[in-house]
C-alpha atoms as a PDB file:
ATOM      1  CA  UNK A   1      21.246  16.450   1.751  1.00  0.00           C
ATOM      2  CA  UNK A   2      19.146  19.572   1.317  1.00  0.00           C
ATOM      3  CA  UNK A   3      15.452  19.293   0.617  1.00  0.00           C
ATOM      4  CA  UNK A   4      13.954  21.140  -2.323  1.00  0.00           C
ATOM      5  CA  UNK A   5      10.947  23.416  -1.901  1.00  0.00           C
ATOM      6  CA  UNK A   6       7.705  21.469  -1.878  1.00  0.00           C
ATOM      7  CA  UNK A   7       9.090  17.984  -1.525  1.00  0.00           C
ATOM      8  CA  UNK A   8      11.923  16.032  -0.004  1.00  0.00           C
ATOM      9  CA  UNK A   9      12.913  12.418  -0.163  1.00  0.00           C
ATOM     10  CA  UNK A  10      10.320   9.862  -1.336  1.00  0.00           C
ATOM     11  CA  UNK A  11       7.738   8.894   1.319  1.00  0.00           C
ATOM     12  CA  UNK A  12       8.607   6.569   4.219  1.00  0.00           C
ATOM     13  CA  UNK A  13       7.941   3.170   3.693  1.00  0.00           C
ATOM     14  CA  UNK A  14       1.129   0.050   6.596  1.00  0.00           C
ATOM     15  CA  UNK A  15     -14.457 -13.694   8.754  1.00  0.00           C
ATOM     16  CA  UNK A  16     -12.646 -10.256   8.524  1.00  0.00           C
ATOM     17  CA  UNK A  17      -8.954  -9.718   8.858  1.00  0.00           C
ATOM     18  CA  UNK A  18      -7.591  -6.711  10.719  1.00  0.00           C
ATOM     19  CA  UNK A  19      -4.170  -6.452   9.178  1.00  0.00           C
ATOM     20  CA  UNK A  20      -1.341  -5.144  11.276  1.00  0.00           C
ATOM     21  CA  UNK A  21      -2.055  -6.106  14.856  1.00  0.00           C
ATOM     22  CA  UNK A  22       1.493  -7.067  15.548  1.00  0.00           C
ATOM     23  CA  UNK A  23       4.809  -7.692  13.841  1.00  0.00           C
ATOM     24  CA  UNK A  24       3.918 -10.768  11.778  1.00  0.00           C
ATOM     25  CA  UNK A  25       6.878 -11.923   9.713  1.00  0.00           C
ATOM     26  CA  UNK A  26       5.435 -13.151   6.441  1.00  0.00           C
ATOM     27  CA  UNK A  27       8.434 -15.217   5.483  1.00  0.00           C
ATOM     28  CA  UNK A  28       8.903 -18.435   7.389  1.00  0.00           C
ATOM     29  CA  UNK A  29      12.014 -20.584   7.842  1.00  0.00           C
ATOM     30  CA  UNK A  30      14.079 -21.041   4.702  1.00  0.00           C
ATOM     31  CA  UNK A  31      12.421 -18.119   2.898  1.00  0.00           C
ATOM     32  CA  UNK A  32       9.070 -19.890   2.433  1.00  0.00           C
ATOM     33  CA  UNK A  33       5.758 -18.112   2.978  1.00  0.00           C
ATOM     34  CA  UNK A  34       4.688 -18.715   6.551  1.00  0.00           C
ATOM     35  CA  UNK A  35       1.763 -21.046   7.345  1.00  0.00           C
ATOM     36  CA  UNK A  36      -0.013 -18.086   8.970  1.00  0.00           C
ATOM     37  CA  UNK A  37       0.015 -16.119   5.696  1.00  0.00           C
ATOM     38  CA  UNK A  38      -1.279 -19.208   3.872  1.00  0.00           C
ATOM     39  CA  UNK A  39      -4.083 -19.417   6.449  1.00  0.00           C
ATOM     40  CA  UNK A  40      -4.989 -15.727   5.987  1.00  0.00           C
ATOM     41  CA  UNK A  41      -4.867 -16.151   2.211  1.00  0.00           C
ATOM     42  CA  UNK A  42      -7.359 -19.052   2.367  1.00  0.00           C
ATOM     43  CA  UNK A  43      -9.633 -17.029   4.676  1.00  0.00           C
ATOM     44  CA  UNK A  44      -9.687 -14.056   2.282  1.00  0.00           C
ATOM     45  CA  UNK A  45     -10.034 -16.258  -0.847  1.00  0.00           C
ATOM     46  CA  UNK A  46     -13.793 -16.735  -0.323  1.00  0.00           C
ATOM     47  CA  UNK A  47     -14.414 -18.693  -3.535  1.00  0.00           C
ATOM     48  CA  UNK A  48     -11.283 -20.831  -3.002  1.00  0.00           C
ATOM     49  CA  UNK A  49     -10.063 -19.998  -6.519  1.00  0.00           C
ATOM     50  CA  UNK A  50      -6.441 -19.711  -5.448  1.00  0.00           C
ATOM     51  CA  UNK A  51      -6.538 -15.972  -6.132  1.00  0.00           C
ATOM     52  CA  UNK A  52      -7.720 -12.878  -4.274  1.00  0.00           C
ATOM     53  CA  UNK A  53      -9.626 -10.113  -6.058  1.00  0.00           C
ATOM     54  CA  UNK A  54     -10.061  -6.503  -4.953  1.00  0.00           C
ATOM     55  CA  UNK A  55     -13.634  -7.319  -3.821  1.00  0.00           C
ATOM     56  CA  UNK A  56     -12.431 -10.238  -1.684  1.00  0.00           C
ATOM     57  CA  UNK A  57      -9.720  -8.039  -0.205  1.00  0.00           C
ATOM     58  CA  UNK A  58     -12.269  -5.296   0.500  1.00  0.00           C
ATOM     59  CA  UNK A  59     -14.541  -7.684   2.402  1.00  0.00           C
ATOM     60  CA  UNK A  60     -11.588  -8.923   4.462  1.00  0.00           C
ATOM     61  CA  UNK A  61      -9.808  -5.726   5.518  1.00  0.00           C
ATOM     62  CA  UNK A  62     -11.256  -3.494   8.222  1.00  0.00           C
ATOM     63  CA  UNK A  63      -9.912  -0.219   9.541  1.00  0.00           C
ATOM     64  CA  UNK A  64      -9.993   1.027  13.120  1.00  0.00           C
ATOM     65  CA  UNK A  65     -13.525   2.378  12.641  1.00  0.00           C
ATOM     66  CA  UNK A  66     -14.808  -1.131  11.873  1.00  0.00           C
ATOM     67  CA  UNK A  67     -15.382  -0.244   8.225  1.00  0.00           C
ATOM     68  CA  UNK A  68     -14.015  -2.230   5.300  1.00  0.00           C
ATOM     69  CA  UNK A  69     -11.184  -0.669   3.337  1.00  0.00           C
ATOM     70  CA  UNK A  70     -12.311   1.525   0.473  1.00  0.00           C
ATOM     71  CA  UNK A  71     -12.698   0.117  -3.013  1.00  0.00           C
ATOM     72  CA  UNK A  72     -10.042   2.557  -4.245  1.00  0.00           C
ATOM     73  CA  UNK A  73      -7.511   1.321  -1.669  1.00  0.00           C
ATOM     74  CA  UNK A  74      -8.145  -2.337  -2.472  1.00  0.00           C
ATOM     75  CA  UNK A  75      -7.901  -1.810  -6.240  1.00  0.00           C
ATOM     76  CA  UNK A  76      -4.709   0.191  -5.751  1.00  0.00           C
ATOM     77  CA  UNK A  77      -3.099  -2.516  -3.610  1.00  0.00           C
ATOM     78  CA  UNK A  78      -4.133  -5.385  -5.891  1.00  0.00           C
ATOM     79  CA  UNK A  79      -2.847  -3.415  -8.882  1.00  0.00           C
ATOM     80  CA  UNK A  80       0.528  -2.796  -7.232  1.00  0.00           C
ATOM     81  CA  UNK A  81       1.186  -6.501  -6.649  1.00  0.00           C
ATOM     82  CA  UNK A  82      -0.689  -8.055  -9.586  1.00  0.00           C
ATOM     83  CA  UNK A  83       2.426  -8.504 -11.700  1.00  0.00           C
ATOM     84  CA  UNK A  84       0.713 -10.323 -14.598  1.00  0.00           C
ATOM     85  CA  UNK A  85      -2.219  -7.857 -14.774  1.00  0.00           C
ATOM     86  CA  UNK A  86      -4.722 -10.648 -14.160  1.00  0.00           C
ATOM     87  CA  UNK A  87      -6.920  -8.591 -11.824  1.00  0.00           C
ATOM     88  CA  UNK A  88      -6.105 -10.704  -8.783  1.00  0.00           C
ATOM     89  CA  UNK A  89      -3.147 -11.833  -6.668  1.00  0.00           C
ATOM     90  CA  UNK A  90      -1.857 -15.295  -5.867  1.00  0.00           C
ATOM     91  CA  UNK A  91      -0.455 -16.311  -2.486  1.00  0.00           C
ATOM     92  CA  UNK A  92       3.073 -15.071  -3.284  1.00  0.00           C
ATOM     93  CA  UNK A  93       1.750 -11.676  -4.390  1.00  0.00           C
ATOM     94  CA  UNK A  94      -0.573 -11.573  -1.358  1.00  0.00           C
ATOM     95  CA  UNK A  95       2.422 -12.168   0.885  1.00  0.00           C
ATOM     96  CA  UNK A  96       4.098  -9.043  -0.509  1.00  0.00           C
ATOM     97  CA  UNK A  97       0.839  -7.077  -0.306  1.00  0.00           C
ATOM     98  CA  UNK A  98       0.379  -8.101   3.325  1.00  0.00           C
ATOM     99  CA  UNK A  99       3.900  -6.994   4.237  1.00  0.00           C
ATOM    100  CA  UNK A 100       3.376  -3.688   2.396  1.00  0.00           C
ATOM    101  CA  UNK A 101       0.119  -2.929   4.236  1.00  0.00           C
ATOM    102  CA  UNK A 102       1.752  -3.658   7.568  1.00  0.00           C
ATOM    103  CA  UNK A 103       4.631  -1.308   6.775  1.00  0.00           C
ATOM    104  CA  UNK A 104       2.188   1.512   5.992  1.00  0.00           C
ATOM    105  CA  UNK A 105       0.164   0.680   9.085  1.00  0.00           C
ATOM    106  CA  UNK A 106       3.304   1.108  11.198  1.00  0.00           C
ATOM    107  CA  UNK A 107       3.848   4.526   9.581  1.00  0.00           C
ATOM    108  CA  UNK A 108       0.194   5.417  10.203  1.00  0.00           C
ATOM    109  CA  UNK A 109       0.432   4.475  13.885  1.00  0.00           C
ATOM    110  CA  UNK A 110       3.515   6.669  14.242  1.00  0.00           C
ATOM    111  CA  UNK A 111       1.472   9.734  13.248  1.00  0.00           C
ATOM    112  CA  UNK A 112      -1.812   8.767  14.903  1.00  0.00           C
ATOM    113  CA  UNK A 113      -0.613  10.528  18.035  1.00  0.00           C
ATOM    114  CA  UNK A 114      -3.857  10.227  19.977  1.00  0.00           C
ATOM    115  CA  UNK A 115      -4.250   6.562  18.954  1.00  0.00           C
ATOM    116  CA  UNK A 116      -7.756   7.280  17.646  1.00  0.00           C
ATOM    117  CA  UNK A 117      -7.406   4.999  14.629  1.00  0.00           C
ATOM    118  CA  UNK A 118      -7.555   7.963  12.283  1.00  0.00           C
ATOM    119  CA  UNK A 119      -5.304  10.887  11.391  1.00  0.00           C
ATOM    120  CA  UNK A 120      -6.555  14.431  11.785  1.00  0.00           C
ATOM    121  CA  UNK A 121      -5.291  17.452   9.892  1.00  0.00           C
ATOM    122  CA  UNK A 122      -2.537  18.475  12.379  1.00  0.00           C
ATOM    123  CA  UNK A 123      -1.281  14.861  12.490  1.00  0.00           C
ATOM    124  CA  UNK A 124      -1.318  14.627   8.686  1.00  0.00           C
ATOM    125  CA  UNK A 125       0.557  17.921   8.439  1.00  0.00           C
ATOM    126  CA  UNK A 126       3.249  16.598  10.767  1.00  0.00           C
ATOM    127  CA  UNK A 127       3.402  13.274   8.881  1.00  0.00           C
ATOM    128  CA  UNK A 128       3.853  14.966   5.499  1.00  0.00           C
ATOM    129  CA  UNK A 129       6.466  17.323   6.922  1.00  0.00           C
ATOM    130  CA  UNK A 130       8.468  14.442   8.375  1.00  0.00           C
ATOM    131  CA  UNK A 131       8.233  12.638   5.023  1.00  0.00           C
ATOM    132  CA  UNK A 132       9.986  15.643   3.493  1.00  0.00           C
ATOM    133  CA  UNK A 133       7.045  17.544   1.976  1.00  0.00           C
ATOM    134  CA  UNK A 134       6.731  21.301   2.478  1.00  0.00           C
ATOM    135  CA  UNK A 135       3.007  22.019   2.105  1.00  0.00           C
ATOM    136  CA  UNK A 136       1.042  25.065   3.153  1.00  0.00           C
ATOM    137  CA  UNK A 137      -1.772  24.649   5.714  1.00  0.00           C
ATOM    138  CA  UNK A 138      -4.280  25.429   2.942  1.00  0.00           C
ATOM    139  CA  UNK A 139      -2.929  22.598   0.801  1.00  0.00           C
ATOM    140  CA  UNK A 140      -3.038  20.138   3.724  1.00  0.00           C
ATOM    141  CA  UNK A 141      -6.682  21.138   4.277  1.00  0.00           C
ATOM    142  CA  UNK A 142      -7.333  20.499   0.591  1.00  0.00           C
ATOM    143  CA  UNK A 143      -5.765  17.035   0.890  1.00  0.00           C
ATOM    144  CA  UNK A 144      -7.959  16.174   3.886  1.00  0.00           C
ATOM    145  CA  UNK A 145     -11.094  17.216   1.968  1.00  0.00           C
ATOM    146  CA  UNK A 146      -9.886  15.291  -1.084  1.00  0.00           C
ATOM    147  CA  UNK A 147      -9.685  12.121   1.017  1.00  0.00           C
ATOM    148  CA  UNK A 148     -13.512  12.089   1.333  1.00  0.00           C
ATOM    149  CA  UNK A 149     -13.137  12.923   4.991  1.00  0.00           C
ATOM    150  CA  UNK A 150     -16.514  14.108   6.309  1.00  0.00           C
ATOM    151  CA  UNK A 151     -15.266  14.708   9.831  1.00  0.00           C
ATOM    152  CA  UNK A 152     -11.726  15.882   9.042  1.00  0.00           C
ATOM    153  CA  UNK A 153     -10.271  12.459   9.868  1.00  0.00           C
ATOM    154  CA  UNK A 154      -8.377  10.139   7.538  1.00  0.00           C
ATOM    155  CA  UNK A 155      -8.616   6.368   7.975  1.00  0.00           C
ATOM    156  CA  UNK A 156      -5.660   4.057   7.438  1.00  0.00           C
ATOM    157  CA  UNK A 157      -6.859   2.937   3.990  1.00  0.00           C
ATOM    158  CA  UNK A 158      -7.267   6.548   2.829  1.00  0.00           C
ATOM    159  CA  UNK A 159      -3.818   7.302   4.270  1.00  0.00           C
ATOM    160  CA  UNK A 160      -2.269   4.461   2.255  1.00  0.00           C
ATOM    161  CA  UNK A 161      -3.924   5.661  -0.970  1.00  0.00           C
ATOM    162  CA  UNK A 162      -2.835   9.244  -0.280  1.00  0.00           C
ATOM    163  CA  UNK A 163       0.786   8.308   0.430  1.00  0.00           C
ATOM    164  CA  UNK A 164       1.075   6.049  -2.619  1.00  0.00           C
ATOM    165  CA  UNK A 165      -0.356   8.756  -4.871  1.00  0.00           C
ATOM    166  CA  UNK A 166       1.908  11.409  -3.351  1.00  0.00           C
ATOM    167  CA  UNK A 167       4.890   9.137  -3.919  1.00  0.00           C
ATOM    168  CA  UNK A 168       3.908   8.490  -7.549  1.00  0.00           C
ATOM    169  CA  UNK A 169       3.397  12.191  -8.307  1.00  0.00           C
ATOM    170  CA  UNK A 170       6.638  13.109  -6.533  1.00  0.00           C
ATOM    171  CA  UNK A 171       8.612  10.581  -8.564  1.00  0.00           C
ATOM    172  CA  UNK A 172       7.023  11.829 -11.807  1.00  0.00           C
ATOM    173  CA  UNK A 173       7.763  15.443 -10.797  1.00  0.00           C
ATOM    174  CA  UNK A 174      11.392  14.697  -9.866  1.00  0.00           C
ATOM    175  CA  UNK A 175      12.090  13.188 -13.287  1.00  0.00           C
ATOM    176  CA  UNK A 176      10.939  16.429 -14.920  1.00  0.00           C
ATOM    177  CA  UNK A 177      12.510  18.772 -12.340  1.00  0.00           C
ATOM    178  CA  UNK A 178      15.894  18.727 -14.055  1.00  0.00           C
ATOM    179  CA  UNK A 179      17.171  21.763 -12.141  1.00  0.00           C
ATOM    180  CA  UNK A 180      15.972  20.284  -8.809  1.00  0.00           C
ATOM    181  CA  UNK A 181      14.446  23.633  -7.869  1.00  0.00           C
ATOM    182  CA  UNK A 182      10.860  22.504  -7.268  1.00  0.00           C
ATOM    183  CA  UNK A 183       9.545  23.881 -10.575  1.00  0.00           C
ATOM    184  CA  UNK A 184       8.686  22.210 -13.884  1.00  0.00           C
ATOM    185  CA  UNK A 185       7.194  23.386 -17.161  1.00  0.00           C
ATOM    186  CA  UNK A 186       4.672  21.010 -18.738  1.00  0.00           C
ATOM    187  CA  UNK A 187       2.590  21.141 -21.872  1.00  0.00           C
ATOM    188  CA  UNK A 188      -1.070  20.251 -21.519  1.00  0.00           C
ATOM    189  CA  UNK A 189      -0.711  16.726 -22.964  1.00  0.00           C
ATOM    190  CA  UNK A 190       2.331  16.023 -20.785  1.00  0.00           C
ATOM    191  CA  UNK A 191       0.405  17.230 -17.740  1.00  0.00           C
ATOM    192  CA  UNK A 192      -2.492  14.905 -18.588  1.00  0.00           C
ATOM    193  CA  UNK A 193      -0.110  12.015 -19.147  1.00  0.00           C
ATOM    194  CA  UNK A 194       1.424  12.517 -15.693  1.00  0.00           C
ATOM    195  CA  UNK A 195      -1.959  12.958 -14.010  1.00  0.00           C
ATOM    196  CA  UNK A 196      -3.513   9.891 -15.639  1.00  0.00           C
ATOM    197  CA  UNK A 197      -0.499   7.636 -15.099  1.00  0.00           C
ATOM    198  CA  UNK A 198      -0.196   8.564 -11.414  1.00  0.00           C
ATOM    199  CA  UNK A 199      -3.894   8.383 -10.559  1.00  0.00           C
ATOM    200  CA  UNK A 200      -5.904   5.272  -9.772  1.00  0.00           C
END
């Protein structure tokens, strides 16, 4: 299958809890949620409400730099798995969220070639290229700056947010790219609708 200019197939599908330090199957025998996931859920659920909020998730997840995940990443992940729009996730939704984060972490580790715990611009460029995107070096530099990277390095939580947003925008673009030639024509309101629906 030929790739179109600009984008290819949708992106590959990654006390305190450092998610992703091994292949932890979240589903136990018989399809039930494993006791380990239940244990992690109780550890993250600080107020023991039976639900996890974005703030609880933020205080529980740390990246390789020893910093908690960004607020944007935690809100994004809660929002993706909060099926009833309650603002929090239950243990079943947390189980899916946990698996999702670990999948992205595995992708992140694939491109973190120097195993530094962060992705630098050349590594990000290679990652995006292998995901099927055809971006200029200038655009990749723009993405790195857009990720609030002060030192030119992207942490795993920023990488997850970036990839999810890229996937959302790509899907929205594909729907409108009826000729599959990498070009669309949008009115101003339609552009705003796409931008607002794909953003956090």
